[in-house]
C-alpha cells in the first residue's frame, strides 16, 4: 500500500526558512510526478510546486525565487525548501504524488496528511 508521509512543518519567524519532506512508502510503484499544495485557513487548496520523474520542475508565481523542490530517487523522498517566509505562507502543506502501481497498473493521485506551517514572530 502506497502512503505519503510529510514532515518538517512548524513555527518559523518571518524571513526564516523551512524544509519540508515527503516520503513515499510501500512497494511496487513508480512515481510519475510529485508536488506540494497548500491550504490556508478559509481558502482553497492551491498549487505550490511540482517535480517530475525526469526532474522537470514547476513553481507557482507567488513562491518563485524563494523556493526549491527536489527529489531523492534512492529514498523516494521529495523535499521543499522555502526561504524568506512571509506570514501569508502560513498554511497546511500537502504532499501529492501521481503514482503507477505495478500490480494493477493503475495510476492514481495520492495525498499526504498535511503538515502545518506557521509564520509568526
N, C-alpha and C. Protein backbone atom coordinates (compact mmCIF):
# COMPACT_ATOMS: atom_id res chain seq x y z
N UNK A 1 0.85 -1.19 0.00
CA UNK A 1 0.00 0.00 0.00
C UNK A 1 0.88 1.24 0.00
N UNK A 2 0.61 2.13 -0.93
CA UNK A 2 1.41 3.35 -1.06
C UNK A 2 0.90 4.40 -0.09
N UNK A 3 1.84 5.02 0.62
CA UNK A 3 1.49 6.10 1.54
C UNK A 3 2.48 7.22 1.40
N UNK A 4 1.99 8.44 1.65
CA UNK A 4 2.85 9.62 1.63
C UNK A 4 2.89 10.18 3.05
N UNK A 5 4.09 10.41 3.54
CA UNK A 5 4.24 10.91 4.90
C UNK A 5 5.07 12.19 4.86
N UNK A 6 4.46 13.28 5.32
CA UNK A 6 5.16 14.57 5.33
C UNK A 6 5.82 14.81 6.70
N UNK A 7 6.82 15.66 6.69
CA UNK A 7 7.46 16.09 7.92
C UNK A 7 8.12 17.43 7.68
N UNK A 8 8.44 18.12 8.77
CA UNK A 8 9.20 19.35 8.65
C UNK A 8 8.44 20.63 8.90
N UNK A 9 7.15 20.56 9.10
CA UNK A 9 6.40 21.78 9.38
C UNK A 9 6.70 22.31 10.76
N UNK A 10 6.19 23.50 11.04
CA UNK A 10 6.39 24.08 12.37
C UNK A 10 6.23 25.58 12.36
N UNK A 11 6.72 26.20 13.41
CA UNK A 11 6.64 27.65 13.58
C UNK A 11 7.95 28.28 13.13
N UNK A 12 7.84 29.26 12.26
CA UNK A 12 9.02 29.96 11.75
C UNK A 12 8.77 31.46 11.79
N UNK A 13 9.79 32.23 12.09
CA UNK A 13 9.65 33.68 12.07
C UNK A 13 9.66 34.20 10.65
N UNK A 14 9.00 35.32 10.41
CA UNK A 14 9.06 35.92 9.06
C UNK A 14 10.50 36.14 8.64
N UNK A 15 10.77 35.80 7.40
CA UNK A 15 12.13 35.90 6.89
C UNK A 15 12.94 34.64 7.07
N UNK A 16 12.42 33.71 7.82
CA UNK A 16 13.13 32.47 8.09
C UNK A 16 12.96 31.45 6.97
N UNK A 17 13.52 30.26 7.20
CA UNK A 17 13.48 29.19 6.21
C UNK A 17 12.91 27.92 6.81
N UNK A 18 12.43 27.07 5.92
CA UNK A 18 11.85 25.81 6.36
C UNK A 18 12.07 24.78 5.26
N UNK A 19 12.25 23.53 5.69
CA UNK A 19 12.42 22.44 4.74
C UNK A 19 11.38 21.37 5.05
N UNK A 20 10.53 21.11 4.08
CA UNK A 20 9.52 20.08 4.21
C UNK A 20 9.95 18.84 3.45
N UNK A 21 9.60 17.67 3.98
CA UNK A 21 9.92 16.42 3.30
C UNK A 21 8.66 15.58 3.14
N UNK A 22 8.68 14.76 2.11
CA UNK A 22 7.57 13.85 1.86
C UNK A 22 8.16 12.53 1.38
N UNK A 23 7.94 11.49 2.16
CA UNK A 23 8.46 10.18 1.80
C UNK A 23 7.32 9.29 1.30
N UNK A 24 7.59 8.61 0.20
CA UNK A 24 6.63 7.65 -0.34
C UNK A 24 7.01 6.27 0.15
N UNK A 25 6.11 5.64 0.86
CA UNK A 25 6.39 4.30 1.38
C UNK A 25 5.52 3.28 0.67
N UNK A 26 5.97 2.03 0.71
CA UNK A 26 5.24 0.97 0.04
C UNK A 26 6.16 0.25 -0.91
N UNK A 27 5.58 -0.55 -1.80
CA UNK A 27 6.40 -1.29 -2.75
C UNK A 27 5.64 -1.45 -4.06
N UNK A 28 6.40 -1.68 -5.13
CA UNK A 28 5.79 -1.95 -6.42
C UNK A 28 5.10 -0.76 -7.05
N UNK A 29 5.80 0.35 -7.10
CA UNK A 29 5.19 1.54 -7.68
C UNK A 29 6.23 2.34 -8.45
N UNK A 30 5.72 3.23 -9.27
CA UNK A 30 6.56 4.18 -9.99
C UNK A 30 5.98 5.56 -9.77
N UNK A 31 6.82 6.48 -9.35
CA UNK A 31 6.38 7.86 -9.14
C UNK A 31 6.51 8.62 -10.44
N UNK A 32 5.44 9.22 -10.88
CA UNK A 32 5.45 9.98 -12.13
C UNK A 32 5.72 11.47 -11.89
N UNK A 33 4.94 12.03 -10.97
CA UNK A 33 5.09 13.44 -10.61
C UNK A 33 4.80 13.58 -9.13
N UNK A 34 5.56 14.43 -8.46
CA UNK A 34 5.26 14.76 -7.07
C UNK A 34 5.16 16.27 -6.94
N UNK A 35 4.36 16.68 -5.97
CA UNK A 35 4.20 18.12 -5.80
C UNK A 35 3.74 18.50 -4.41
N UNK A 36 3.70 19.79 -4.19
CA UNK A 36 3.22 20.36 -2.94
C UNK A 36 2.07 21.32 -3.22
N UNK A 37 1.08 21.23 -2.37
CA UNK A 37 -0.05 22.15 -2.38
C UNK A 37 -0.16 22.71 -0.97
N UNK A 38 -0.87 23.82 -0.85
CA UNK A 38 -1.08 24.37 0.47
C UNK A 38 -2.49 24.91 0.58
N UNK A 39 -2.96 24.91 1.81
CA UNK A 39 -4.30 25.43 2.07
C UNK A 39 -4.28 26.26 3.34
N UNK A 40 -4.49 27.54 3.17
CA UNK A 40 -4.56 28.44 4.31
C UNK A 40 -5.98 28.42 4.87
N UNK A 41 -6.11 28.84 6.09
CA UNK A 41 -7.42 28.84 6.74
C UNK A 41 -8.41 29.67 5.95
N UNK A 42 -9.54 29.07 5.63
CA UNK A 42 -10.59 29.77 4.92
C UNK A 42 -10.37 29.93 3.43
N UNK A 43 -9.32 29.31 2.91
CA UNK A 43 -9.02 29.44 1.48
C UNK A 43 -8.98 28.07 0.80
N UNK A 44 -9.01 28.10 -0.50
CA UNK A 44 -8.92 26.86 -1.25
C UNK A 44 -7.49 26.36 -1.32
N UNK A 45 -7.36 25.07 -1.52
CA UNK A 45 -6.03 24.49 -1.68
C UNK A 45 -5.44 24.99 -2.99
N UNK A 46 -4.15 25.34 -2.96
CA UNK A 46 -3.50 25.87 -4.15
C UNK A 46 -2.18 25.18 -4.42
N UNK A 47 -1.81 25.15 -5.67
CA UNK A 47 -0.57 24.53 -6.12
C UNK A 47 0.62 25.38 -5.70
N UNK A 48 1.68 24.71 -5.25
CA UNK A 48 2.90 25.41 -4.87
C UNK A 48 4.05 25.07 -5.82
N UNK A 49 4.32 23.77 -5.96
CA UNK A 49 5.45 23.35 -6.79
C UNK A 49 5.31 21.88 -7.13
N UNK A 50 5.99 21.47 -8.20
CA UNK A 50 5.99 20.06 -8.57
C UNK A 50 7.30 19.68 -9.24
N UNK A 51 7.58 18.37 -9.24
CA UNK A 51 8.76 17.85 -9.90
C UNK A 51 8.40 16.52 -10.53
N UNK A 52 8.82 16.34 -11.77
CA UNK A 52 8.51 15.10 -12.48
C UNK A 52 9.61 14.08 -12.26
N UNK A 53 9.35 12.85 -12.69
CA UNK A 53 10.35 11.80 -12.57
C UNK A 53 11.60 12.13 -13.38
N UNK A 54 11.43 12.98 -14.39
CA UNK A 54 12.56 13.38 -15.20
C UNK A 54 13.30 14.58 -14.66
N UNK A 55 12.76 15.14 -13.56
CA UNK A 55 13.43 16.27 -12.93
C UNK A 55 12.90 17.64 -13.32
N UNK A 56 11.87 17.69 -14.17
CA UNK A 56 11.30 18.98 -14.55
C UNK A 56 10.52 19.57 -13.38
N UNK A 57 10.71 20.85 -13.14
CA UNK A 57 10.07 21.50 -12.01
C UNK A 57 9.12 22.61 -12.47
N UNK A 58 8.11 22.83 -11.65
CA UNK A 58 7.18 23.94 -11.87
C UNK A 58 6.95 24.61 -10.52
N UNK A 59 6.81 25.93 -10.56
CA UNK A 59 6.58 26.69 -9.34
C UNK A 59 5.45 27.67 -9.53
N UNK A 60 4.68 27.87 -8.48
CA UNK A 60 3.67 28.91 -8.50
C UNK A 60 4.36 30.27 -8.50
N UNK A 61 3.72 31.25 -9.13
CA UNK A 61 4.33 32.57 -9.24
C UNK A 61 4.63 33.18 -7.87
N UNK A 62 3.78 32.92 -6.90
CA UNK A 62 3.93 33.58 -5.60
C UNK A 62 5.11 33.04 -4.79
N UNK A 63 5.74 31.95 -5.24
CA UNK A 63 6.89 31.43 -4.50
C UNK A 63 8.17 31.42 -5.32
N UNK A 64 8.09 31.79 -6.58
CA UNK A 64 9.30 31.77 -7.41
C UNK A 64 10.39 32.64 -6.81
N UNK A 65 11.59 32.09 -6.79
CA UNK A 65 12.72 32.81 -6.23
C UNK A 65 12.93 32.56 -4.75
N UNK A 66 11.95 31.95 -4.10
CA UNK A 66 12.05 31.69 -2.66
C UNK A 66 11.98 30.21 -2.34
N UNK A 67 11.84 29.40 -3.36
CA UNK A 67 11.51 28.00 -3.09
C UNK A 67 12.29 27.08 -4.03
N UNK A 68 12.59 25.88 -3.55
CA UNK A 68 13.25 24.88 -4.38
C UNK A 68 12.70 23.51 -4.04
N UNK A 69 12.34 22.77 -5.07
CA UNK A 69 11.82 21.42 -4.88
C UNK A 69 12.86 20.44 -5.40
N UNK A 70 12.98 19.30 -4.72
CA UNK A 70 13.96 18.31 -5.13
C UNK A 70 13.43 16.91 -4.83
N UNK A 71 14.04 15.92 -5.46
CA UNK A 71 13.60 14.55 -5.26
C UNK A 71 14.80 13.63 -5.17
N UNK A 72 14.80 12.78 -4.15
CA UNK A 72 15.86 11.79 -3.96
C UNK A 72 15.31 10.44 -4.41
N UNK A 73 15.75 10.00 -5.57
CA UNK A 73 15.25 8.73 -6.13
C UNK A 73 15.57 7.54 -5.24
N UNK A 74 16.72 7.57 -4.62
CA UNK A 74 17.14 6.43 -3.80
C UNK A 74 16.27 6.27 -2.57
N UNK A 75 15.73 7.39 -2.08
CA UNK A 75 14.94 7.35 -0.86
C UNK A 75 13.45 7.57 -1.10
N UNK A 76 13.08 7.78 -2.37
CA UNK A 76 11.68 8.09 -2.71
C UNK A 76 11.16 9.20 -1.81
N UNK A 77 11.96 10.22 -1.69
CA UNK A 77 11.61 11.34 -0.81
C UNK A 77 11.75 12.65 -1.57
N UNK A 78 10.72 13.48 -1.44
CA UNK A 78 10.72 14.80 -2.05
C UNK A 78 10.92 15.83 -0.95
N UNK A 79 11.62 16.89 -1.28
CA UNK A 79 11.85 17.95 -0.31
C UNK A 79 11.44 19.29 -0.90
N UNK A 80 11.05 20.19 -0.02
CA UNK A 80 10.69 21.54 -0.43
C UNK A 80 11.39 22.51 0.51
N UNK A 81 12.27 23.32 -0.04
CA UNK A 81 12.97 24.34 0.73
C UNK A 81 12.29 25.67 0.48
N UNK A 82 11.84 26.32 1.55
CA UNK A 82 11.20 27.63 1.42
C UNK A 82 12.02 28.64 2.20
N UNK A 83 12.44 29.68 1.52
CA UNK A 83 13.22 30.75 2.15
C UNK A 83 12.42 32.04 2.22
N UNK A 84 12.88 32.95 3.05
CA UNK A 84 12.26 34.28 3.19
C UNK A 84 10.75 34.14 3.39
N UNK A 85 10.38 33.31 4.35
CA UNK A 85 8.97 33.06 4.60
C UNK A 85 8.22 34.31 4.99
N UNK A 86 6.98 34.39 4.52
CA UNK A 86 6.11 35.51 4.80
C UNK A 86 4.91 35.02 5.60
N UNK A 87 4.26 35.90 6.34
CA UNK A 87 3.07 35.47 7.08
C UNK A 87 2.02 34.82 6.18
N UNK A 88 1.93 35.28 4.94
CA UNK A 88 0.94 34.71 4.02
C UNK A 88 1.30 33.31 3.53
N UNK A 89 2.51 32.84 3.88
CA UNK A 89 2.89 31.47 3.54
C UNK A 89 2.34 30.47 4.55
N UNK A 90 1.79 30.96 5.63
CA UNK A 90 1.24 30.07 6.65
C UNK A 90 0.07 29.28 6.09
N UNK A 91 0.14 27.97 6.25
CA UNK A 91 -0.90 27.09 5.69
C UNK A 91 -0.57 25.66 6.08
N UNK A 92 -1.50 24.78 5.77
CA UNK A 92 -1.20 23.35 5.83
C UNK A 92 -0.66 22.96 4.46
N UNK A 93 0.53 22.39 4.45
CA UNK A 93 1.17 21.99 3.21
C UNK A 93 0.95 20.50 2.99
N UNK A 94 0.46 20.17 1.80
CA UNK A 94 0.15 18.80 1.46
C UNK A 94 1.07 18.28 0.36
N UNK A 95 1.53 17.08 0.56
CA UNK A 95 2.32 16.39 -0.46
C UNK A 95 1.36 15.63 -1.38
N UNK A 96 1.64 15.67 -2.66
CA UNK A 96 0.82 14.99 -3.65
C UNK A 96 1.71 14.20 -4.58
N UNK A 97 1.24 13.03 -4.99
CA UNK A 97 2.04 12.23 -5.91
C UNK A 97 1.14 11.51 -6.90
N UNK A 98 1.57 11.53 -8.15
CA UNK A 98 0.92 10.76 -9.21
C UNK A 98 1.72 9.48 -9.36
N UNK A 99 1.12 8.36 -8.97
CA UNK A 99 1.86 7.10 -8.87
C UNK A 99 1.18 5.98 -9.64
N UNK A 100 2.00 5.19 -10.33
CA UNK A 100 1.53 3.99 -11.01
C UNK A 100 1.94 2.78 -10.18
N UNK A 101 0.97 1.96 -9.83
CA UNK A 101 1.27 0.74 -9.07
C UNK A 101 1.35 -0.42 -10.05
N UNK A 102 2.42 -1.20 -9.95
CA UNK A 102 2.67 -2.24 -10.93
C UNK A 102 1.67 -3.37 -10.89
N UNK A 103 1.17 -3.70 -9.72
CA UNK A 103 0.28 -4.86 -9.58
C UNK A 103 -0.95 -4.77 -10.46
N UNK A 104 -1.62 -3.62 -10.42
CA UNK A 104 -2.84 -3.46 -11.20
C UNK A 104 -2.69 -2.43 -12.31
N UNK A 105 -1.48 -1.89 -12.45
CA UNK A 105 -1.18 -0.89 -13.49
C UNK A 105 -2.12 0.30 -13.43
N UNK A 106 -2.50 0.68 -12.23
CA UNK A 106 -3.34 1.86 -12.06
C UNK A 106 -2.44 3.06 -11.77
N UNK A 107 -2.92 4.21 -12.25
CA UNK A 107 -2.25 5.47 -11.94
C UNK A 107 -3.23 6.32 -11.15
N UNK A 108 -2.85 6.66 -9.96
CA UNK A 108 -3.73 7.42 -9.09
C UNK A 108 -2.97 8.55 -8.42
N UNK A 109 -3.75 9.49 -7.92
CA UNK A 109 -3.18 10.59 -7.15
C UNK A 109 -3.26 10.25 -5.67
N UNK A 110 -2.15 10.44 -4.99
CA UNK A 110 -2.08 10.17 -3.56
C UNK A 110 -1.78 11.48 -2.83
N UNK A 111 -2.30 11.55 -1.60
CA UNK A 111 -2.08 12.75 -0.78
C UNK A 111 -1.54 12.37 0.58
N UNK A 112 -0.70 13.22 1.09
CA UNK A 112 -0.25 13.07 2.46
C UNK A 112 -1.27 13.68 3.41
N UNK A 113 -0.99 13.57 4.70
CA UNK A 113 -1.93 14.04 5.70
C UNK A 113 -1.82 15.53 5.95
N UNK A 114 -0.77 16.14 5.46
CA UNK A 114 -0.59 17.58 5.63
C UNK A 114 0.31 17.91 6.80
N UNK A 115 1.05 18.99 6.67
CA UNK A 115 1.90 19.46 7.76
C UNK A 115 1.72 20.97 7.89
N UNK A 116 1.53 21.42 9.11
CA UNK A 116 1.22 22.83 9.37
C UNK A 116 2.49 23.68 9.36
N UNK A 117 2.42 24.78 8.63
CA UNK A 117 3.49 25.78 8.64
C UNK A 117 2.90 27.08 9.17
N UNK A 118 3.47 27.57 10.24
CA UNK A 118 3.03 28.82 10.85
C UNK A 118 4.16 29.82 10.76
N UNK A 119 3.86 31.00 10.26
CA UNK A 119 4.86 32.06 10.13
C UNK A 119 4.44 33.22 11.02
N UNK A 120 5.18 33.40 12.08
CA UNK A 120 4.81 34.42 13.05
C UNK A 120 5.99 34.80 13.91
N UNK A 121 6.01 36.05 14.33
CA UNK A 121 7.08 36.49 15.23
C UNK A 121 6.61 36.39 16.68
